[in-house]
C-alpha cells in the first residue's frame, strides 16, 4: 500500500508542478498580450495624431492660399467704392469699411495661421490632445400637453408664417416657453381718433 500511495503522491506532485508551469506560462502570455495591446493602442493613437495633424495643416495651407487673393479682391473693391464717395456717401463709407475689414482680417490671420501650424505640430508630437468636433444636439420640438389648453400652441391658432419652436437644449425645451408672433401682421395696431 505504501508503494501505491508514494506512486500516487508522485503523480499528484507531477500534476501540480505541471499546473504551476501552465499558470506561469499563462501569466507570461497575459503580460505579452497586455504589452501587444498597449503597443497597438499607441500605434493607433499615433496614426490618429498624424491624420489629425495632417488635416489641420492642410486646412491652414488652404486658408493661407486663399488669403492673398481674397484680401487683394477686397482691397480692390474697397478702393473702387471709396472712389465713388462723391456720388454716394454710403458707397465711400462701405469702401472704408471694407478696407478696414481687410486690414483686420490680415492682422488676425497673421496670428491664426501660425497658431494652426503650432496646433498641428503639438497634436502630431502628442503635446496637445486631438481636437474633437462637438456633436450636434438633436433639436427638440416643444409640444404642449393637451391638458394645458390655455398654453397650448396648436397649428389652428398659430399664424401660418410662424413655425414650431425648435430648441436643442433639453433644459430650455422643458421651460414651457410660449411662441410669440412677432411678424409684421401681428404688430399692426389700429388707432381710432380724429384726423386733423
N, C-alpha and C. Protein backbone atom coordinates (compact mmCIF):
# COMPACT_ATOMS: atom_id res chain seq x y z
N UNK A 1 0.80 -1.19 0.00
CA UNK A 1 0.00 0.00 0.00
C UNK A 1 0.85 1.27 0.00
N UNK A 2 1.95 1.25 0.75
CA UNK A 2 2.80 2.44 0.79
C UNK A 2 3.37 2.74 -0.59
N UNK A 3 3.68 1.68 -1.30
CA UNK A 3 4.25 1.86 -2.64
C UNK A 3 3.21 2.53 -3.56
N UNK A 4 1.96 2.17 -3.48
CA UNK A 4 0.89 2.75 -4.30
C UNK A 4 0.66 4.20 -3.88
N UNK A 5 0.68 4.44 -2.57
CA UNK A 5 0.48 5.80 -2.07
C UNK A 5 1.61 6.70 -2.54
N UNK A 6 2.86 6.21 -2.47
CA UNK A 6 4.01 7.01 -2.94
C UNK A 6 3.91 7.26 -4.44
N UNK A 7 3.45 6.28 -5.17
CA UNK A 7 3.31 6.43 -6.62
C UNK A 7 2.22 7.47 -6.93
N UNK A 8 1.11 7.39 -6.21
CA UNK A 8 0.04 8.36 -6.41
C UNK A 8 0.48 9.77 -5.98
N UNK A 9 1.24 9.84 -4.89
CA UNK A 9 1.74 11.14 -4.42
C UNK A 9 2.68 11.74 -5.47
N UNK A 10 3.50 10.93 -6.08
CA UNK A 10 4.42 11.40 -7.12
C UNK A 10 3.62 11.91 -8.32
N UNK A 11 2.52 11.21 -8.67
CA UNK A 11 1.69 11.64 -9.79
C UNK A 11 1.02 12.98 -9.47
N UNK A 12 0.54 13.14 -8.22
CA UNK A 12 -0.09 14.39 -7.81
C UNK A 12 0.92 15.52 -7.84
N UNK A 13 2.14 15.28 -7.32
CA UNK A 13 3.19 16.30 -7.33
C UNK A 13 3.55 16.68 -8.76
N UNK A 14 3.62 15.70 -9.63
CA UNK A 14 3.95 15.96 -11.04
C UNK A 14 2.85 16.80 -11.69
N UNK A 15 1.58 16.46 -11.43
CA UNK A 15 0.46 17.21 -11.99
C UNK A 15 0.43 18.63 -11.44
N UNK A 16 0.70 18.78 -10.13
CA UNK A 16 0.74 20.11 -9.51
C UNK A 16 1.84 20.95 -10.14
N UNK A 17 3.00 20.34 -10.35
CA UNK A 17 4.12 21.03 -10.96
C UNK A 17 3.78 21.44 -12.39
N UNK A 18 3.08 20.55 -13.10
CA UNK A 18 2.69 20.85 -14.47
C UNK A 18 1.67 22.00 -14.49
N UNK A 19 0.71 22.00 -13.58
CA UNK A 19 -0.28 23.08 -13.49
C UNK A 19 0.39 24.41 -13.13
N UNK A 20 1.36 24.35 -12.26
CA UNK A 20 2.10 25.55 -11.89
C UNK A 20 2.84 26.10 -13.10
N UNK A 21 3.43 25.19 -13.88
CA UNK A 21 4.13 25.62 -15.10
C UNK A 21 3.16 26.23 -16.10
N UNK A 22 1.96 25.64 -16.23
CA UNK A 22 0.95 26.19 -17.14
C UNK A 22 0.49 27.56 -16.65
N UNK A 23 0.28 27.70 -15.33
CA UNK A 23 -0.10 29.00 -14.76
C UNK A 23 0.95 30.06 -15.05
N UNK A 24 2.24 29.67 -14.89
CA UNK A 24 3.33 30.61 -15.18
C UNK A 24 3.33 31.00 -16.65
N UNK A 25 3.11 30.01 -17.52
CA UNK A 25 3.08 30.28 -18.96
C UNK A 25 1.91 31.19 -19.30
N UNK A 26 0.73 30.96 -18.67
CA UNK A 26 -0.42 31.82 -18.91
C UNK A 26 -0.17 33.24 -18.42
N UNK A 27 0.51 33.39 -17.30
CA UNK A 27 0.84 34.72 -16.78
C UNK A 27 1.77 35.45 -17.75
N UNK A 28 2.76 34.72 -18.30
CA UNK A 28 3.68 35.32 -19.28
C UNK A 28 2.90 35.73 -20.52
N UNK A 29 1.99 34.86 -20.98
CA UNK A 29 1.19 35.19 -22.16
C UNK A 29 0.28 36.39 -21.91
N UNK A 30 -0.29 36.48 -20.71
CA UNK A 30 -1.14 37.62 -20.37
C UNK A 30 -0.34 38.92 -20.40
N UNK A 31 0.90 38.87 -19.88
CA UNK A 31 1.77 40.06 -19.92
C UNK A 31 2.09 40.42 -21.36
N UNK A 32 2.39 39.41 -22.19
CA UNK A 32 2.71 39.67 -23.59
C UNK A 32 1.49 40.24 -24.33
N UNK A 33 0.30 39.72 -24.01
CA UNK A 33 -0.92 40.23 -24.64
C UNK A 33 -1.16 41.68 -24.23
N UNK A 34 -0.99 41.98 -22.95
CA UNK A 34 -1.19 43.36 -22.47
C UNK A 34 -0.19 44.30 -23.15
N UNK A 35 1.04 43.86 -23.29
CA UNK A 35 2.06 44.69 -23.95
C UNK A 35 1.72 44.89 -25.43
N UNK A 36 1.27 43.82 -26.09
CA UNK A 36 0.90 43.93 -27.50
C UNK A 36 -0.29 44.88 -27.67
N UNK A 37 -1.29 44.79 -26.78
CA UNK A 37 -2.44 45.69 -26.84
C UNK A 37 -2.03 47.13 -26.59
N UNK A 38 -1.10 47.35 -25.66
CA UNK A 38 -0.60 48.70 -25.38
C UNK A 38 0.11 49.27 -26.60
N UNK A 39 0.96 48.44 -27.23
CA UNK A 39 1.68 48.90 -28.42
C UNK A 39 0.71 49.20 -29.56
N UNK A 40 -0.31 48.34 -29.72
CA UNK A 40 -1.31 48.57 -30.77
C UNK A 40 -2.07 49.87 -30.51
N UNK A 41 -2.44 50.11 -29.25
CA UNK A 41 -3.14 51.36 -28.90
C UNK A 41 -2.25 52.57 -29.16
N UNK A 42 -0.97 52.46 -28.85
CA UNK A 42 -0.04 53.56 -29.12
C UNK A 42 0.07 53.82 -30.61
N UNK A 43 0.14 52.73 -31.41
CA UNK A 43 0.23 52.89 -32.87
C UNK A 43 -1.03 53.52 -33.43
N UNK A 44 -2.19 53.10 -32.92
CA UNK A 44 -3.44 53.70 -33.38
C UNK A 44 -3.49 55.18 -33.00
N UNK A 45 -3.12 55.48 -31.76
CA UNK A 45 -3.11 56.88 -31.30
C UNK A 45 -2.15 57.71 -32.15
N UNK A 46 -1.00 57.16 -32.43
CA UNK A 46 -0.03 57.86 -33.27
C UNK A 46 -0.58 58.10 -34.66
N UNK A 47 -1.22 57.07 -35.24
CA UNK A 47 -1.81 57.22 -36.57
C UNK A 47 -2.92 58.27 -36.55
N UNK A 48 -3.75 58.25 -35.50
CA UNK A 48 -4.81 59.26 -35.38
C UNK A 48 -4.23 60.65 -35.24
N UNK A 49 -3.13 60.76 -34.50
CA UNK A 49 -2.48 62.06 -34.32
C UNK A 49 -1.91 62.58 -35.64
N UNK A 50 -1.25 61.68 -36.38
CA UNK A 50 -0.68 62.08 -37.67
C UNK A 50 -1.80 62.52 -38.62
N UNK A 51 -2.90 61.77 -38.64
CA UNK A 51 -4.03 62.11 -39.50
C UNK A 51 -4.61 63.47 -39.11
N UNK A 52 -4.87 63.68 -37.82
CA UNK A 52 -5.45 64.95 -37.35
C UNK A 52 -4.50 66.11 -37.64
N UNK A 53 -3.22 65.90 -37.39
CA UNK A 53 -2.24 66.96 -37.66
C UNK A 53 -2.20 67.29 -39.14
N UNK A 54 -2.29 66.26 -39.99
CA UNK A 54 -2.31 66.49 -41.43
C UNK A 54 -3.54 67.29 -41.86
N UNK A 55 -4.69 66.97 -41.27
CA UNK A 55 -5.92 67.71 -41.60
C UNK A 55 -5.81 69.17 -41.17
N UNK A 56 -5.26 69.41 -39.99
CA UNK A 56 -5.11 70.78 -39.50
C UNK A 56 -4.13 71.55 -40.40
N UNK A 57 -3.00 70.91 -40.73
CA UNK A 57 -2.01 71.57 -41.58
C UNK A 57 -2.58 71.85 -42.97
N UNK A 58 -3.36 70.90 -43.52
CA UNK A 58 -3.96 71.10 -44.84
C UNK A 58 -4.96 72.25 -44.80
N UNK A 59 -5.74 72.33 -43.72
CA UNK A 59 -6.71 73.42 -43.57
C UNK A 59 -5.97 74.76 -43.52
N UNK A 60 -4.89 74.81 -42.75
CA UNK A 60 -4.12 76.05 -42.65
C UNK A 60 -3.52 76.44 -44.00
N UNK A 61 -3.03 75.46 -44.74
CA UNK A 61 -2.45 75.73 -46.06
C UNK A 61 -3.52 76.24 -47.03
N UNK A 62 -4.72 75.64 -46.96
CA UNK A 62 -5.81 76.08 -47.84
C UNK A 62 -6.21 77.51 -47.52
N UNK A 63 -6.32 77.83 -46.25
CA UNK A 63 -6.67 79.20 -45.85
C UNK A 63 -5.58 80.15 -46.31
N UNK A 64 -4.34 79.77 -46.10
CA UNK A 64 -3.22 80.64 -46.48
C UNK A 64 -3.20 80.90 -47.99
N UNK A 65 -3.51 79.87 -48.79
CA UNK A 65 -3.54 80.05 -50.25
C UNK A 65 -4.65 81.01 -50.66
N UNK A 66 -5.75 81.01 -49.92
CA UNK A 66 -6.89 81.82 -50.30
C UNK A 66 -6.82 83.24 -49.74
N UNK A 67 -5.95 83.49 -48.77
CA UNK A 67 -5.91 84.79 -48.10
C UNK A 67 -5.52 85.92 -49.05
N UNK A 68 -4.40 85.78 -49.72
CA UNK A 68 -3.90 86.89 -50.53
C UNK A 68 -4.85 87.27 -51.66
N UNK A 69 -5.38 86.30 -52.44
CA UNK A 69 -6.35 86.72 -53.46
C UNK A 69 -7.60 87.36 -52.87
N UNK A 70 -8.07 86.84 -51.74
CA UNK A 70 -9.26 87.40 -51.11
C UNK A 70 -9.00 88.83 -50.63
N UNK A 71 -7.88 89.04 -49.94
CA UNK A 71 -7.57 90.39 -49.45
C UNK A 71 -7.34 91.35 -50.61
N UNK A 72 -6.70 90.88 -51.65
CA UNK A 72 -6.46 91.72 -52.82
C UNK A 72 -7.79 92.13 -53.47
N UNK A 73 -8.69 91.19 -53.62
CA UNK A 73 -10.01 91.49 -54.20
C UNK A 73 -10.79 92.44 -53.29
N UNK A 74 -10.73 92.20 -51.99
CA UNK A 74 -11.45 93.05 -51.04
C UNK A 74 -10.90 94.47 -51.06
N UNK A 75 -9.59 94.61 -51.12
CA UNK A 75 -8.99 95.95 -51.16
C UNK A 75 -9.30 96.66 -52.47
N UNK A 76 -9.33 95.89 -53.58
CA UNK A 76 -9.69 96.48 -54.87
C UNK A 76 -11.12 97.01 -54.86
N UNK A 77 -12.04 96.21 -54.30
CA UNK A 77 -13.43 96.65 -54.21
C UNK A 77 -13.54 97.85 -53.29
N UNK A 78 -12.79 97.85 -52.20
CA UNK A 78 -12.82 98.98 -51.26
C UNK A 78 -12.36 100.25 -51.96
N UNK A 79 -11.30 100.14 -52.76
CA UNK A 79 -10.78 101.32 -53.46
C UNK A 79 -11.79 101.83 -54.49
N UNK A 80 -12.44 100.90 -55.20
CA UNK A 80 -13.44 101.32 -56.19
C UNK A 80 -14.62 102.01 -55.51
N UNK A 81 -15.08 101.47 -54.39
CA UNK A 81 -16.19 102.10 -53.68
C UNK A 81 -15.79 103.45 -53.08
N UNK A 82 -14.57 103.52 -52.54
CA UNK A 82 -14.12 104.79 -51.95
C UNK A 82 -14.02 105.87 -53.02
N UNK A 83 -13.69 105.46 -54.26
CA UNK A 83 -13.58 106.43 -55.35
C UNK A 83 -14.95 106.98 -55.76
N UNK A 84 -16.02 106.32 -55.35
CA UNK A 84 -17.36 106.79 -55.71
C UNK A 84 -18.03 107.57 -54.58
N UNK A 85 -17.26 107.97 -53.57
CA UNK A 85 -17.88 108.65 -52.44
C UNK A 85 -18.47 110.01 -52.82
N UNK A 86 -18.02 110.58 -53.94
CA UNK A 86 -18.61 111.85 -54.38
C UNK A 86 -19.98 111.62 -55.00
N UNK A 87 -20.28 110.36 -55.39
CA UNK A 87 -21.59 110.04 -55.94
C UNK A 87 -22.59 109.66 -54.85
N UNK A 88 -22.07 108.88 -53.88
CA UNK A 88 -22.95 108.46 -52.77
C UNK A 88 -22.09 108.29 -51.53
N UNK A 89 -22.45 109.00 -50.49
CA UNK A 89 -21.71 108.96 -49.24
C UNK A 89 -21.59 107.52 -48.72
N UNK A 90 -22.68 106.76 -48.82
CA UNK A 90 -22.71 105.40 -48.31
C UNK A 90 -21.70 104.51 -49.02
N UNK A 91 -21.52 104.73 -50.32
CA UNK A 91 -20.56 103.92 -51.09
C UNK A 91 -19.15 104.16 -50.58
N UNK A 92 -18.82 105.40 -50.30
CA UNK A 92 -17.49 105.71 -49.75
C UNK A 92 -17.31 105.10 -48.37
N UNK A 93 -18.36 105.15 -47.56
CA UNK A 93 -18.29 104.56 -46.23
C UNK A 93 -18.12 103.04 -46.32
N UNK A 94 -18.81 102.42 -47.26
CA UNK A 94 -18.66 100.98 -47.45
C UNK A 94 -17.24 100.65 -47.89
N UNK A 95 -16.68 101.47 -48.74
CA UNK A 95 -15.29 101.27 -49.16
C UNK A 95 -14.33 101.36 -47.99
N UNK A 96 -14.53 102.34 -47.12
CA UNK A 96 -13.67 102.45 -45.95
C UNK A 96 -13.86 101.26 -45.01
N UNK A 97 -15.11 100.82 -44.86
CA UNK A 97 -15.37 99.66 -44.02
C UNK A 97 -14.66 98.42 -44.56
N UNK A 98 -14.77 98.18 -45.86
CA UNK A 98 -14.12 97.01 -46.47
C UNK A 98 -12.61 97.09 -46.35
N UNK A 99 -12.07 98.28 -46.50
CA UNK A 99 -10.62 98.47 -46.35
C UNK A 99 -10.19 98.13 -44.92
N UNK A 100 -10.96 98.61 -43.95
CA UNK A 100 -10.65 98.31 -42.55
C UNK A 100 -10.81 96.83 -42.24
N UNK A 101 -11.85 96.21 -42.81
CA UNK A 101 -12.08 94.78 -42.59
C UNK A 101 -10.93 93.96 -43.18
N UNK A 102 -10.44 94.36 -44.34
CA UNK A 102 -9.31 93.65 -44.96
C UNK A 102 -8.07 93.75 -44.07
N UNK A 103 -7.82 94.94 -43.52
CA UNK A 103 -6.67 95.10 -42.63
C UNK A 103 -6.80 94.28 -41.36
N UNK A 104 -8.01 94.26 -40.78
CA UNK A 104 -8.22 93.49 -39.57
C UNK A 104 -8.12 91.99 -39.84
N UNK A 105 -8.63 91.55 -40.99
CA UNK A 105 -8.54 90.13 -41.35
C UNK A 105 -7.08 89.74 -41.55
N UNK A 106 -6.32 90.59 -42.20
CA UNK A 106 -4.89 90.29 -42.42
C UNK A 106 -4.15 90.19 -41.09
N UNK A 107 -4.44 91.10 -40.19
CA UNK A 107 -3.80 91.09 -38.88
C UNK A 107 -4.19 89.84 -38.09
N UNK A 108 -5.47 89.51 -38.09
CA UNK A 108 -5.94 88.33 -37.36
C UNK A 108 -5.33 87.06 -37.94
N UNK A 109 -5.27 86.97 -39.26
CA UNK A 109 -4.71 85.77 -39.89
C UNK A 109 -3.21 85.64 -39.62
N UNK A 110 -2.54 86.76 -39.36
CA UNK A 110 -1.12 86.69 -39.00
C UNK A 110 -0.93 85.96 -37.68
N UNK A 111 -1.96 85.93 -36.85
CA UNK A 111 -1.89 85.17 -35.59
C UNK A 111 -2.49 83.78 -35.73
N UNK A 112 -3.59 83.67 -36.48
CA UNK A 112 -4.32 82.41 -36.57
C UNK A 112 -3.54 81.34 -37.33
N UNK A 113 -2.95 81.70 -38.46
CA UNK A 113 -2.25 80.69 -39.27
C UNK A 113 -1.07 80.05 -38.53
N UNK A 114 -0.20 80.84 -37.87
CA UNK A 114 0.86 80.18 -37.08
C UNK A 114 0.29 79.36 -35.92
N UNK A 115 -0.84 79.81 -35.35
CA UNK A 115 -1.47 79.04 -34.29
C UNK A 115 -1.90 77.67 -34.81
N UNK A 116 -2.48 77.63 -36.02
CA UNK A 116 -2.87 76.34 -36.62
C UNK A 116 -1.65 75.45 -36.85
N UNK A 117 -0.57 76.05 -37.33
CA UNK A 117 0.66 75.25 -37.57
C UNK A 117 1.20 74.68 -36.26
N UNK A 118 1.22 75.51 -35.21
CA UNK A 118 1.68 75.04 -33.89
C UNK A 118 0.75 73.95 -33.35
N UNK A 119 -0.55 74.12 -33.58
CA UNK A 119 -1.51 73.11 -33.13
C UNK A 119 -1.26 71.78 -33.84
N UNK A 120 -1.01 71.83 -35.15
CA UNK A 120 -0.74 70.60 -35.90
C UNK A 120 0.52 69.92 -35.38
N UNK A 121 1.55 70.69 -35.10
CA UNK A 121 2.80 70.12 -34.56
C UNK A 121 2.56 69.53 -33.18
N UNK A 122 1.83 70.24 -32.32
CA UNK A 122 1.55 69.76 -30.97
C UNK A 122 0.73 68.48 -30.98
N UNK A 123 -0.26 68.40 -31.87
CA UNK A 123 -1.09 67.19 -31.98
C UNK A 123 -0.23 66.03 -32.45
N UNK A 124 0.59 66.27 -33.45
CA UNK A 124 1.43 65.20 -34.01
C UNK A 124 2.42 64.69 -32.97
N UNK A 125 3.00 65.59 -32.19
CA UNK A 125 4.00 65.21 -31.18
C UNK A 125 3.38 64.67 -29.90
N UNK A 126 2.07 64.83 -29.73
CA UNK A 126 1.40 64.31 -28.55
C UNK A 126 1.35 65.27 -27.39
N UNK A 127 1.73 66.54 -27.60
CA UNK A 127 1.70 67.53 -26.53
C UNK A 127 0.31 68.15 -26.35
N UNK A 128 -0.50 68.03 -27.40
CA UNK A 128 -1.83 68.64 -27.41
C UNK A 128 -2.83 67.53 -27.75
N UNK A 129 -3.97 67.48 -27.06
CA UNK A 129 -4.96 66.46 -27.41
C UNK A 129 -5.53 66.69 -28.81
N UNK A 130 -5.98 65.62 -29.43
CA UNK A 130 -6.58 65.73 -30.75
C UNK A 130 -7.90 66.49 -30.61
N UNK A 131 -8.05 67.60 -31.35
CA UNK A 131 -9.31 68.35 -31.26
C UNK A 131 -10.47 67.51 -31.78
N UNK A 132 -11.56 67.55 -31.08
CA UNK A 132 -12.77 66.81 -31.49
C UNK A 132 -13.88 67.82 -31.75
N UNK A 133 -14.61 67.60 -32.82
CA UNK A 133 -15.77 68.45 -33.10
C UNK A 133 -16.88 68.08 -32.14
N UNK A 134 -17.54 69.08 -31.57
CA UNK A 134 -18.67 68.74 -30.69
C UNK A 134 -19.80 68.12 -31.50
N UNK A 135 -20.47 67.18 -30.90
CA UNK A 135 -21.60 66.53 -31.55
C UNK A 135 -22.79 67.48 -31.53
N UNK A 136 -23.42 67.62 -32.66
CA UNK A 136 -24.58 68.50 -32.76
C UNK A 136 -25.75 67.86 -32.02
N UNK A 137 -26.40 68.65 -31.22
CA UNK A 137 -27.56 68.16 -30.47
C UNK A 137 -28.76 68.08 -31.40
N UNK A 138 -29.57 67.08 -31.19
CA UNK A 138 -30.79 66.95 -31.97
C UNK A 138 -31.79 68.00 -31.50
N UNK A 139 -32.37 68.77 -32.42
CA UNK A 139 -33.36 69.76 -31.98
C UNK A 139 -34.61 69.08 -31.44
N UNK A 140 -35.16 69.68 -30.41
CA UNK A 140 -36.38 69.14 -29.79
C UNK A 140 -37.54 70.07 -30.11
N UNK A 141 -38.64 69.49 -30.50
CA UNK A 141 -39.84 70.28 -30.77
C UNK A 141 -40.61 70.38 -29.47
N UNK A 142 -40.94 71.60 -29.08
CA UNK A 142 -41.70 71.80 -27.85
C UNK A 142 -43.16 71.55 -28.16
N UNK A 143 -43.74 70.62 -27.45
CA UNK A 143 -45.16 70.34 -27.61
C UNK A 143 -45.83 70.52 -26.26
N UNK A 144 -46.94 71.20 -26.26
CA UNK A 144 -47.67 71.44 -25.03
C UNK A 144 -48.65 70.28 -24.81
N UNK A 145 -48.80 69.82 -23.60
CA UNK A 145 -49.80 68.78 -23.35
C UNK A 145 -51.21 69.32 -23.55
N UNK A 146 -52.09 68.44 -23.98
CA UNK A 146 -53.48 68.86 -24.23
C UNK A 146 -54.17 69.29 -22.95
N UNK A 147 -53.62 68.90 -21.80
CA UNK A 147 -54.23 69.27 -20.52
C UNK A 147 -54.03 70.74 -20.20
N UNK A 148 -53.19 71.44 -20.97
CA UNK A 148 -52.95 72.86 -20.75
C UNK A 148 -53.43 73.64 -21.97
N UNK A 149 -54.75 73.72 -22.23
CA UNK A 149 -55.22 74.34 -23.47
C UNK A 149 -54.91 75.84 -23.54
N UNK A 150 -54.85 76.51 -22.40
CA UNK A 150 -54.56 77.95 -22.43
C UNK A 150 -53.11 78.22 -22.83
N UNK A 151 -52.23 77.24 -22.69
CA UNK A 151 -50.84 77.42 -23.06
C UNK A 151 -50.48 76.70 -24.36
N UNK A 152 -51.33 75.82 -24.79
CA UNK A 152 -51.01 75.00 -25.96
C UNK A 152 -50.89 75.86 -27.20
N UNK A 153 -49.96 75.49 -28.05
CA UNK A 153 -49.76 76.18 -29.32
C UNK A 153 -50.18 75.19 -30.40
N UNK A 154 -51.37 75.34 -30.91
CA UNK A 154 -51.88 74.44 -31.93
C UNK A 154 -51.73 75.09 -33.29
N UNK A 155 -51.65 74.26 -34.31
CA UNK A 155 -51.48 74.80 -35.65
C UNK A 155 -52.68 75.64 -36.06
N UNK A 156 -53.86 75.38 -35.46
CA UNK A 156 -55.04 76.16 -35.82
C UNK A 156 -54.96 77.58 -35.27
N UNK A 157 -54.31 77.76 -34.10
CA UNK A 157 -54.21 79.09 -33.51
C UNK A 157 -52.93 79.80 -33.91
N UNK A 158 -51.98 79.08 -34.41
CA UNK A 158 -50.70 79.68 -34.80
C UNK A 158 -50.84 80.27 -36.21
N UNK A 159 -50.39 81.49 -36.41
CA UNK A 159 -50.41 82.06 -37.77
C UNK A 159 -49.61 81.16 -38.72
N UNK A 160 -49.96 81.13 -40.00
CA UNK A 160 -49.30 80.20 -40.93
C UNK A 160 -47.81 80.48 -41.13
N UNK A 161 -47.35 81.69 -40.86
CA UNK A 161 -45.95 82.02 -41.07
C UNK A 161 -45.07 81.74 -39.85
N UNK A 162 -45.65 81.29 -38.74
CA UNK A 162 -44.88 81.01 -37.53
C UNK A 162 -44.64 79.50 -37.46
N UNK A 163 -43.38 79.11 -37.46
CA UNK A 163 -43.00 77.71 -37.42
C UNK A 163 -42.97 77.21 -35.98
N UNK A 164 -43.07 75.88 -35.78
CA UNK A 164 -42.92 75.36 -34.41
C UNK A 164 -41.54 75.72 -33.86
N UNK A 165 -41.47 75.94 -32.59
CA UNK A 165 -40.21 76.33 -31.95
C UNK A 165 -39.28 75.13 -31.91
N UNK A 166 -38.05 75.31 -32.36
CA UNK A 166 -37.05 74.25 -32.32
C UNK A 166 -35.98 74.64 -31.31
N UNK A 167 -35.79 73.83 -30.29
CA UNK A 167 -34.81 74.12 -29.26
C UNK A 167 -33.98 72.87 -29.05
N UNK A 168 -32.65 73.03 -29.06
CA UNK A 168 -31.77 71.87 -28.92
C UNK A 168 -31.39 71.59 -27.47
N UNK A 169 -31.55 72.55 -26.60
CA UNK A 169 -31.18 72.37 -25.20
C UNK A 169 -32.38 71.79 -24.44
N UNK A 170 -32.25 70.58 -23.84
CA UNK A 170 -33.40 69.99 -23.16
C UNK A 170 -33.87 70.81 -21.96
N UNK A 171 -32.99 71.53 -21.31
CA UNK A 171 -33.40 72.35 -20.17
C UNK A 171 -34.29 73.48 -20.66
N UNK A 172 -33.88 74.13 -21.75
CA UNK A 172 -34.69 75.22 -22.31
C UNK A 172 -35.99 74.65 -22.87
N UNK A 173 -35.90 73.46 -23.49
CA UNK A 173 -37.09 72.84 -24.07
C UNK A 173 -38.14 72.53 -23.01
N UNK A 174 -37.72 72.26 -21.80
CA UNK A 174 -38.67 71.92 -20.74
C UNK A 174 -39.16 73.16 -19.99
N UNK A 175 -38.79 74.35 -20.40
CA UNK A 175 -39.12 75.57 -19.68
C UNK A 175 -40.51 76.11 -20.00
N UNK A 176 -41.27 75.46 -20.87
CA UNK A 176 -42.63 75.87 -21.22
C UNK A 176 -42.72 77.30 -21.76
N UNK A 177 -41.87 77.61 -22.74
CA UNK A 177 -41.94 78.91 -23.38
C UNK A 177 -43.15 78.95 -24.31
N UNK A 178 -43.70 80.12 -24.50
CA UNK A 178 -44.83 80.31 -25.40
C UNK A 178 -44.33 81.02 -26.66
N UNK A 179 -44.77 80.54 -27.82
CA UNK A 179 -44.39 81.18 -29.08
C UNK A 179 -45.10 82.51 -29.18
N UNK A 180 -44.34 83.56 -29.47
CA UNK A 180 -44.91 84.89 -29.63
C UNK A 180 -44.79 85.25 -31.10
N UNK A 181 -45.89 85.64 -31.69
CA UNK A 181 -45.91 86.01 -33.10
C UNK A 181 -45.33 87.42 -33.24
N UNK A 182 -44.15 87.53 -33.81
CA UNK A 182 -43.51 88.83 -33.98
C UNK A 182 -43.51 89.26 -35.44
N UNK A 183 -44.43 88.75 -36.20
CA UNK A 183 -44.49 89.11 -37.61
C UNK A 183 -45.08 90.51 -37.76
N UNK A 184 -44.95 91.05 -38.94
CA UNK A 184 -45.44 92.41 -39.21
C UNK A 184 -46.96 92.49 -39.01
N UNK A 185 -47.67 91.43 -39.45
CA UNK A 185 -49.12 91.43 -39.31
C UNK A 185 -49.53 91.52 -37.85
N UNK A 186 -48.81 90.87 -36.98
CA UNK A 186 -49.17 90.86 -35.56
C UNK A 186 -48.86 92.19 -34.89
N UNK A 187 -48.02 93.03 -35.50
CA UNK A 187 -47.64 94.29 -34.87
C UNK A 187 -48.46 95.48 -35.36
N UNK A 188 -49.41 95.27 -36.26
CA UNK A 188 -50.23 96.38 -36.73
C UNK A 188 -51.25 96.74 -35.65
N UNK A 189 -51.34 98.01 -35.36
CA UNK A 189 -52.27 98.49 -34.34
C UNK A 189 -53.21 99.50 -34.99
N UNK A 190 -54.48 99.28 -34.83
CA UNK A 190 -55.47 100.23 -35.35
C UNK A 190 -55.82 101.21 -34.24
N UNK A 191 -55.66 102.50 -34.50
CA UNK A 191 -55.96 103.53 -33.51
C UNK A 191 -57.04 104.43 -34.08
N UNK A 192 -58.07 104.57 -33.32
CA UNK A 192 -59.14 105.46 -33.75
C UNK A 192 -58.93 106.83 -33.14
N UNK A 193 -59.21 107.82 -33.92
CA UNK A 193 -59.07 109.18 -33.41
C UNK A 193 -59.46 110.18 -34.46
N UNK A 194 -59.60 111.39 -34.07
CA UNK A 194 -59.98 112.46 -35.01
C UNK A 194 -58.77 112.82 -35.85
N UNK A 195 -59.00 112.97 -37.14
CA UNK A 195 -57.92 113.38 -38.04
C UNK A 195 -57.92 114.89 -38.17
N UNK A 196 -56.78 115.43 -38.20
CA UNK A 196 -56.65 116.90 -38.31
C UNK A 196 -56.51 117.33 -39.73
